Amino acid sequence: MDLHTDNLLGFLGTFGRQDERNVLTLNVLLLGDRQSGRSSVGNALIGGDGFQTGICISGDAVTTKHRLLCRNFQRFFRRQGAESDLTLRVVDTPPMLLPRPHSVHELCPEGVHVLVFVARADLPHDNTRLEEQTLFGPGWRRHALLVVTHADHLEEAGLHPSDYLTQTSDWLRALAEEAGGGVSFVDNSRDWPSIRGRPLRDRLLRLSAENHHRALTVRTEVSL
């Protein structure tokens, strides 16, 4: 598979130094079906519009190749009393059950720190179980965050997010219960990529810290 990689600021290492500040680099993998809002979540995370978004009239996915965008957020947090930068390397994937392991490994040879699953609140979901264990091993749930987009439709329907999770498909309900980073609902009726960018980055950082910033190793021997 062809890979298209955009490095805005380049890879700085998991822990490096930039202008005497610590730098923490996190690899983030976006997963979700077509039109789920996956690329928009990626744009929110990097604080830009580098990932292509929109509605494809033909029904095909807008994202057809794995794509990497990278951005450094200076003085984003404090670690052991020192100011630290946060560098996010965000990989958007074509909509499929599992991404190609060799593609992910080529873009993230150090592994993946956070798996971000994106699902739309206003669309039905296949009642199939995602088998990330095949690609990352049994510990993948501790590194997972579920983002539910178009949550404004729940409010219009008078449905509380917790009630929605009890009524959704089995696999999505199980993922919401098991994901180490929990569930984040975003409202698409507002300019949410700019509004929700910082809260989403904060959640990624907390989740990675809970895992001591250890990355999931990609199992390249998996045949998909």
C-alpha atoms as a PDB file:
ATOM      1  CA  MET A   1       0.000   0.000   0.000  1.00  0.00           C
ATOM      2  CA  ASP A   2       1.238   3.477  -0.838  1.00  0.00           C
ATOM      3  CA  LEU A   3       1.928   5.662   2.156  1.00  0.00           C
ATOM      4  CA  HIS A   4       1.591   9.424   2.202  1.00  0.00           C
ATOM      5  CA  THR A   5       3.414  11.023   5.103  1.00  0.00           C
ATOM      6  CA  ASP A   6       3.377  14.687   6.092  1.00  0.00           C
ATOM      7  CA  ASN A   7       5.812  15.550   8.883  1.00  0.00           C
ATOM      8  CA  LEU A   8       5.111  19.141   9.873  1.00  0.00           C
ATOM      9  CA  LEU A   9       7.855  19.282  12.440  1.00  0.00           C
ATOM     10  CA  GLY A  10       9.474  15.866  12.219  1.00  0.00           C
ATOM     11  CA  PHE A  11       9.924  13.066  14.716  1.00  0.00           C
ATOM     12  CA  LEU A  12      11.594  14.227  17.921  1.00  0.00           C
ATOM     13  CA  GLY A  13      11.899  10.955  19.824  1.00  0.00           C
ATOM     14  CA  THR A  14       9.712   9.638  22.609  1.00  0.00           C
ATOM     15  CA  PHE A  15      11.553  11.811  25.132  1.00  0.00           C
ATOM     16  CA  GLY A  16      13.904  14.423  23.712  1.00  0.00           C
ATOM     17  CA  ARG A  17      14.841  18.020  24.409  1.00  0.00           C
ATOM     18  CA  GLN A  18      13.987  21.166  22.486  1.00  0.00           C
ATOM     19  CA  ASP A  19      15.308  24.518  23.756  1.00  0.00           C
ATOM     20  CA  GLU A  20      16.067  22.873  27.126  1.00  0.00           C
ATOM     21  CA  ARG A  21      12.498  21.564  27.445  1.00  0.00           C
ATOM     22  CA  ASN A  22      11.427  17.949  27.620  1.00  0.00           C
ATOM     23  CA  VAL A  23       9.540  16.655  24.590  1.00  0.00           C
ATOM     24  CA  LEU A  24       7.045  13.811  24.819  1.00  0.00           C
ATOM     25  CA  THR A  25       6.078  12.239  21.493  1.00  0.00           C
ATOM     26  CA  LEU A  26       2.915  10.164  21.230  1.00  0.00           C
ATOM     27  CA  ASN A  27       1.845   8.065  18.242  1.00  0.00           C
ATOM     28  CA  VAL A  28      -1.933   8.124  17.782  1.00  0.00           C
ATOM     29  CA  LEU A  29      -3.864   5.803  15.446  1.00  0.00           C
ATOM     30  CA  LEU A  30      -7.334   6.816  14.227  1.00  0.00           C
ATOM     31  CA  LEU A  31      -9.809   4.015  13.530  1.00  0.00           C
ATOM     32  CA  GLY A  32     -13.385   4.226  12.296  1.00  0.00           C
ATOM     33  CA  ASP A  33     -15.823   3.614   9.481  1.00  0.00           C
ATOM     34  CA  ARG A  34     -16.378   5.925   6.501  1.00  0.00           C
ATOM     35  CA  GLN A  35     -18.004   9.265   7.328  1.00  0.00           C
ATOM     36  CA  SER A  36     -17.490   8.613  11.048  1.00  0.00           C
ATOM     37  CA  GLY A  37     -15.657  11.914  11.513  1.00  0.00           C
ATOM     38  CA  ARG A  38     -12.308  10.179  11.927  1.00  0.00           C
ATOM     39  CA  SER A  39     -10.339  12.726   9.881  1.00  0.00           C
ATOM     40  CA  SER A  40     -12.082  15.625  11.647  1.00  0.00           C
ATOM     41  CA  VAL A  41     -11.001  14.170  14.989  1.00  0.00           C
ATOM     42  CA  GLY A  42      -7.467  14.024  13.592  1.00  0.00           C
ATOM     43  CA  ASN A  43      -7.678  17.697  12.629  1.00  0.00           C
ATOM     44  CA  ALA A  44      -8.879  18.563  16.125  1.00  0.00           C
ATOM     45  CA  LEU A  45      -5.927  16.726  17.647  1.00  0.00           C
ATOM     46  CA  ILE A  46      -3.309  18.496  15.523  1.00  0.00           C
ATOM     47  CA  GLY A  47      -5.133  21.831  15.606  1.00  0.00           C
ATOM     48  CA  GLY A  48      -5.330  22.251  11.841  1.00  0.00           C
ATOM     49  CA  ASP A  49      -7.060  21.032   8.697  1.00  0.00           C
ATOM     50  CA  GLY A  50      -4.401  18.796   7.183  1.00  0.00           C
ATOM     51  CA  PHE A  51      -6.571  15.677   7.047  1.00  0.00           C
ATOM     52  CA  GLN A  52      -9.037  15.735   4.171  1.00  0.00           C
ATOM     53  CA  THR A  53     -12.667  15.764   5.275  1.00  0.00           C
ATOM     54  CA  GLY A  54     -16.036  16.034   3.584  1.00  0.00           C
ATOM     55  CA  ILE A  55     -18.820  13.966   2.077  1.00  0.00           C
ATOM     56  CA  CYS A  56     -18.076  11.821  -0.949  1.00  0.00           C
ATOM     57  CA  ILE A  57     -21.112  11.681  -3.246  1.00  0.00           C
ATOM     58  CA  SER A  58     -20.135   8.268  -4.621  1.00  0.00           C
ATOM     59  CA  GLY A  59     -20.218   6.767  -1.127  1.00  0.00           C
ATOM     60  CA  ASP A  60     -16.515   5.960  -1.262  1.00  0.00           C
ATOM     61  CA  ALA A  61     -14.238   6.937   1.599  1.00  0.00           C
ATOM     62  CA  VAL A  62     -12.531  10.332   1.455  1.00  0.00           C
ATOM     63  CA  THR A  63      -9.425   8.797   3.080  1.00  0.00           C
ATOM     64  CA  THR A  64      -7.946   6.082   0.863  1.00  0.00           C
ATOM     65  CA  LYS A  65      -4.355   5.913   2.167  1.00  0.00           C
ATOM     66  CA  HIS A  66      -2.671   5.882   5.531  1.00  0.00           C
ATOM     67  CA  ARG A  67      -1.552   9.425   6.280  1.00  0.00           C
ATOM     68  CA  LEU A  68       0.605  10.844   9.056  1.00  0.00           C
ATOM     69  CA  LEU A  69       0.538  14.409  10.368  1.00  0.00           C
ATOM     70  CA  CYS A  70       2.745  15.675  13.165  1.00  0.00           C
ATOM     71  CA  ARG A  71       2.592  18.770  15.353  1.00  0.00           C
ATOM     72  CA  ASN A  72       4.484  20.013  18.393  1.00  0.00           C
ATOM     73  CA  PHE A  73       2.631  21.864  21.164  1.00  0.00           C
ATOM     74  CA  GLN A  74       5.141  23.883  23.136  1.00  0.00           C
ATOM     75  CA  ARG A  75       4.938  23.987  26.945  1.00  0.00           C
ATOM     76  CA  PHE A  76       1.812  21.834  26.855  1.00  0.00           C
ATOM     77  CA  PHE A  77       2.247  20.313  30.314  1.00  0.00           C
ATOM     78  CA  ARG A  78       4.607  20.054  33.264  1.00  0.00           C
ATOM     79  CA  ARG A  79       6.444  16.844  34.079  1.00  0.00           C
ATOM     80  CA  GLN A  80       8.478  16.478  37.259  1.00  0.00           C
ATOM     81  CA  GLY A  81       8.369  20.239  37.698  1.00  0.00           C
ATOM     82  CA  ALA A  82       9.714  21.029  34.230  1.00  0.00           C
ATOM     83  CA  GLU A  83       7.862  22.439  31.227  1.00  0.00           C
ATOM     84  CA  SER A  84       7.377  19.844  28.516  1.00  0.00           C
ATOM     85  CA  ASP A  85       6.346  19.944  24.880  1.00  0.00           C
ATOM     86  CA  LEU A  86       3.833  17.474  23.475  1.00  0.00           C
ATOM     87  CA  THR A  87       4.417  16.184  19.957  1.00  0.00           C
ATOM     88  CA  LEU A  88       1.502  14.298  18.432  1.00  0.00           C
ATOM     89  CA  ARG A  89       2.061  12.015  15.452  1.00  0.00           C
ATOM     90  CA  VAL A  90      -1.459  11.222  14.243  1.00  0.00           C
ATOM     91  CA  VAL A  91      -2.098   8.487  11.670  1.00  0.00           C
ATOM     92  CA  ASP A  92      -5.407   8.489   9.785  1.00  0.00           C
ATOM     93  CA  THR A  93      -6.412   5.165   8.244  1.00  0.00           C
ATOM     94  CA  PRO A  94      -8.796   4.154   5.456  1.00  0.00           C
ATOM     95  CA  PRO A  95     -12.090   2.808   6.838  1.00  0.00           C
ATOM     96  CA  MET A  96     -11.718  -0.902   7.462  1.00  0.00           C
ATOM     97  CA  LEU A  97     -11.987  -3.368  10.304  1.00  0.00           C
ATOM     98  CA  LEU A  98      -8.244  -3.313  10.931  1.00  0.00           C
ATOM     99  CA  PRO A  99      -5.471  -1.227   9.355  1.00  0.00           C
ATOM    100  CA  ARG A 100      -2.625  -2.854   7.454  1.00  0.00           C
ATOM    101  CA  PRO A 101      -0.008  -3.858  10.040  1.00  0.00           C
ATOM    102  CA  HIS A 102       2.989  -3.142   7.806  1.00  0.00           C
ATOM    103  CA  SER A 103       1.612   0.330   6.986  1.00  0.00           C
ATOM    104  CA  VAL A 104       1.169   1.164  10.658  1.00  0.00           C
ATOM    105  CA  HIS A 105       4.601  -0.226  11.538  1.00  0.00           C
ATOM    106  CA  GLU A 106       6.277   1.819   8.794  1.00  0.00           C
ATOM    107  CA  LEU A 107       4.681   5.026  10.058  1.00  0.00           C
ATOM    108  CA  CYS A 108       5.046   4.177  13.764  1.00  0.00           C
ATOM    109  CA  PRO A 109       8.042   1.839  14.128  1.00  0.00           C
ATOM    110  CA  GLU A 110       8.162   2.687  17.856  1.00  0.00           C
ATOM    111  CA  GLY A 111       4.586   1.448  18.298  1.00  0.00           C
ATOM    112  CA  VAL A 112       1.255   3.149  18.996  1.00  0.00           C
ATOM    113  CA  HIS A 113       0.546   4.927  22.285  1.00  0.00           C
ATOM    114  CA  VAL A 114      -3.171   5.647  21.835  1.00  0.00           C
ATOM    115  CA  LEU A 115      -5.884   4.049  19.692  1.00  0.00           C
ATOM    116  CA  VAL A 116      -8.707   6.487  18.948  1.00  0.00           C
ATOM    117  CA  PHE A 117     -11.923   4.805  17.783  1.00  0.00           C
ATOM    118  CA  VAL A 118     -14.378   7.184  16.107  1.00  0.00           C
ATOM    119  CA  ALA A 119     -18.076   6.408  15.646  1.00  0.00           C
ATOM    120  CA  ARG A 120     -21.085   8.528  14.659  1.00  0.00           C
ATOM    121  CA  ALA A 121     -23.985   8.772  17.065  1.00  0.00           C
ATOM    122  CA  ASP A 122     -26.522   9.199  14.243  1.00  0.00           C
ATOM    123  CA  LEU A 123     -25.581   6.146  12.168  1.00  0.00           C
ATOM    124  CA  PRO A 124     -26.144   2.429  12.810  1.00  0.00           C
ATOM    125  CA  HIS A 125     -23.113   0.270  13.548  1.00  0.00           C
ATOM    126  CA  ASP A 126     -22.378  -3.260  12.441  1.00  0.00           C
ATOM    127  CA  ASN A 127     -22.728  -5.654  15.331  1.00  0.00           C
ATOM    128  CA  THR A 128     -19.225  -7.043  14.851  1.00  0.00           C
ATOM    129  CA  ARG A 129     -16.402  -7.158  17.356  1.00  0.00           C
ATOM    130  CA  LEU A 130     -13.204  -5.273  16.566  1.00  0.00           C
ATOM    131  CA  GLU A 131     -10.270  -7.629  17.030  1.00  0.00           C
ATOM    132  CA  GLU A 132      -7.436  -5.224  17.825  1.00  0.00           C
ATOM    133  CA  GLN A 133      -5.879  -8.029  19.882  1.00  0.00           C
ATOM    134  CA  THR A 134      -4.849  -9.557  16.550  1.00  0.00           C
ATOM    135  CA  LEU A 135      -2.816  -6.454  15.686  1.00  0.00           C
ATOM    136  CA  PHE A 136      -1.629  -5.178  19.078  1.00  0.00           C
ATOM    137  CA  GLY A 137      -1.992  -7.976  21.615  1.00  0.00           C
ATOM    138  CA  PRO A 138      -4.372  -8.376  24.577  1.00  0.00           C
ATOM    139  CA  GLY A 139      -3.500  -5.050  26.240  1.00  0.00           C
ATOM    140  CA  TRP A 140      -4.891  -2.798  23.508  1.00  0.00           C
ATOM    141  CA  ARG A 141      -8.000  -1.784  25.494  1.00  0.00           C
ATOM    142  CA  ARG A 142      -5.863   0.063  28.060  1.00  0.00           C
ATOM    143  CA  HIS A 143      -4.659   2.318  25.219  1.00  0.00           C
ATOM    144  CA  ALA A 144      -8.092   2.934  23.651  1.00  0.00           C
ATOM    145  CA  LEU A 145     -10.244   6.061  23.575  1.00  0.00           C
ATOM    146  CA  LEU A 146     -13.722   6.153  22.010  1.00  0.00           C
ATOM    147  CA  VAL A 147     -14.877   9.410  20.400  1.00  0.00           C
ATOM    148  CA  VAL A 148     -18.558   9.644  19.432  1.00  0.00           C
ATOM    149  CA  THR A 149     -19.207  12.390  16.885  1.00  0.00           C
ATOM    150  CA  HIS A 150     -22.501  14.093  15.941  1.00  0.00           C
ATOM    151  CA  ALA A 151     -23.612  13.896  19.560  1.00  0.00           C
ATOM    152  CA  ASP A 152     -25.891  16.880  18.915  1.00  0.00           C
ATOM    153  CA  HIS A 153     -28.311  14.394  17.324  1.00  0.00           C
ATOM    154  CA  LEU A 154     -28.673  12.706  20.712  1.00  0.00           C
ATOM    155  CA  GLU A 155     -29.715  15.991  22.294  1.00  0.00           C
ATOM    156  CA  GLU A 156     -32.230  16.614  19.509  1.00  0.00           C
ATOM    157  CA  ALA A 157     -33.696  13.161  20.133  1.00  0.00           C
ATOM    158  CA  GLY A 158     -33.817  13.766  23.878  1.00  0.00           C
ATOM    159  CA  LEU A 159     -31.394  10.899  24.482  1.00  0.00           C
ATOM    160  CA  HIS A 160     -28.726  11.146  27.176  1.00  0.00           C
ATOM    161  CA  PRO A 161     -25.265   9.868  26.139  1.00  0.00           C
ATOM    162  CA  SER A 162     -25.329   7.166  28.819  1.00  0.00           C
ATOM    163  CA  ASP A 163     -28.695   5.951  27.512  1.00  0.00           C
ATOM    164  CA  TYR A 164     -27.316   5.927  23.968  1.00  0.00           C
ATOM    165  CA  LEU A 165     -24.487   3.628  25.025  1.00  0.00           C
ATOM    166  CA  THR A 166     -26.944   1.126  26.494  1.00  0.00           C
ATOM    167  CA  GLN A 167     -28.882   1.019  23.208  1.00  0.00           C
ATOM    168  CA  THR A 168     -26.061   0.930  20.673  1.00  0.00           C
ATOM    169  CA  SER A 169     -24.500  -2.158  19.078  1.00  0.00           C
ATOM    170  CA  ASP A 170     -22.869  -4.803  21.260  1.00  0.00           C
ATOM    171  CA  TRP A 171     -19.292  -4.111  20.138  1.00  0.00           C
ATOM    172  CA  LEU A 172     -19.578  -0.343  20.595  1.00  0.00           C
ATOM    173  CA  ARG A 173     -21.141  -0.743  24.032  1.00  0.00           C
ATOM    174  CA  ALA A 174     -18.387  -3.179  25.039  1.00  0.00           C
ATOM    175  CA  LEU A 175     -15.707  -0.822  23.714  1.00  0.00           C
ATOM    176  CA  ALA A 176     -17.181   2.069  25.714  1.00  0.00           C
ATOM    177  CA  GLU A 177     -17.052  -0.064  28.852  1.00  0.00           C
ATOM    178  CA  GLU A 178     -13.536  -1.393  28.285  1.00  0.00           C
ATOM    179  CA  ALA A 179     -11.665   1.551  26.736  1.00  0.00           C
ATOM    180  CA  GLY A 180      -9.021   2.816  29.139  1.00  0.00           C
ATOM    181  CA  GLY A 181      -9.570   6.415  28.029  1.00  0.00           C
ATOM    182  CA  GLY A 182     -13.351   6.229  28.283  1.00  0.00           C
ATOM    183  CA  VAL A 183     -15.758   7.970  25.899  1.00  0.00           C
ATOM    184  CA  SER A 184     -15.757  11.531  24.595  1.00  0.00           C
ATOM    185  CA  PHE A 185     -18.890  12.929  22.912  1.00  0.00           C
ATOM    186  CA  VAL A 186     -18.453  15.808  20.448  1.00  0.00           C
ATOM    187  CA  ASP A 187     -21.132  18.145  19.118  1.00  0.00           C
ATOM    188  CA  ASN A 188     -20.899  18.671  15.356  1.00  0.00           C
ATOM    189  CA  SER A 189     -23.365  21.553  15.368  1.00  0.00           C
ATOM    190  CA  ARG A 190     -20.548  23.826  16.542  1.00  0.00           C
ATOM    191  CA  ASP A 191     -16.985  24.439  15.397  1.00  0.00           C
ATOM    192  CA  TRP A 192     -15.929  21.474  17.490  1.00  0.00           C
ATOM    193  CA  PRO A 193     -12.511  20.704  15.954  1.00  0.00           C
ATOM    194  CA  SER A 194     -11.158  23.973  17.327  1.00  0.00           C
ATOM    195  CA  ILE A 195     -13.233  23.829  20.514  1.00  0.00           C
ATOM    196  CA  ARG A 196     -12.560  20.186  21.403  1.00  0.00           C
ATOM    197  CA  GLY A 197      -8.933  20.005  20.304  1.00  0.00           C
ATOM    198  CA  ARG A 198      -7.386  20.839  23.675  1.00  0.00           C
ATOM    199  CA  PRO A 199      -9.728  18.590  25.741  1.00  0.00           C
ATOM    200  CA  LEU A 200      -9.040  15.662  23.392  1.00  0.00           C
ATOM    201  CA  ARG A 201      -5.290  16.229  23.627  1.00  0.00           C
ATOM    202  CA  ASP A 202      -5.587  16.348  27.414  1.00  0.00           C
ATOM    203  CA  ARG A 203      -7.399  13.009  27.417  1.00  0.00           C
ATOM    204  CA  LEU A 204      -4.752  11.437  25.204  1.00  0.00           C
ATOM    205  CA  LEU A 205      -2.012  12.662  27.493  1.00  0.00           C
ATOM    206  CA  ARG A 206      -3.746  11.367  30.628  1.00  0.00           C
ATOM    207  CA  LEU A 207      -4.392   7.981  29.026  1.00  0.00           C
ATOM    208  CA  SER A 208      -0.798   7.638  27.876  1.00  0.00           C
ATOM    209  CA  ALA A 209       0.455   8.667  31.331  1.00  0.00           C
ATOM    210  CA  GLU A 210      -1.696   5.954  32.910  1.00  0.00           C
ATOM    211  CA  ASN A 211       0.144   3.497  30.656  1.00  0.00           C
ATOM    212  CA  HIS A 212       3.500   5.065  31.645  1.00  0.00           C
ATOM    213  CA  HIS A 213       3.832   6.248  28.029  1.00  0.00           C
ATOM    214  CA  ARG A 214       4.483   2.700  26.852  1.00  0.00           C
ATOM    215  CA  ALA A 215       3.546   1.999  23.231  1.00  0.00           C
ATOM    216  CA  LEU A 216       1.690  -0.970  21.776  1.00  0.00           C
ATOM    217  CA  THR A 217       3.880  -3.044  19.499  1.00  0.00           C
ATOM    218  CA  VAL A 218       2.437  -3.607  16.023  1.00  0.00           C
ATOM    219  CA  ARG A 219       2.355  -7.299  15.091  1.00  0.00           C
ATOM    220  CA  THR A 220       3.618  -7.171  11.526  1.00  0.00           C
ATOM    221  CA  GLU A 221       3.272 -10.920  11.071  1.00  0.00           C
ATOM    222  CA  VAL A 222      -0.530 -10.528  11.039  1.00  0.00           C
ATOM    223  CA  SER A 223      -1.969 -11.200   7.588  1.00  0.00           C
ATOM    224  CA  LEU A 224      -5.031  -9.115   6.728  1.00  0.00           C
END
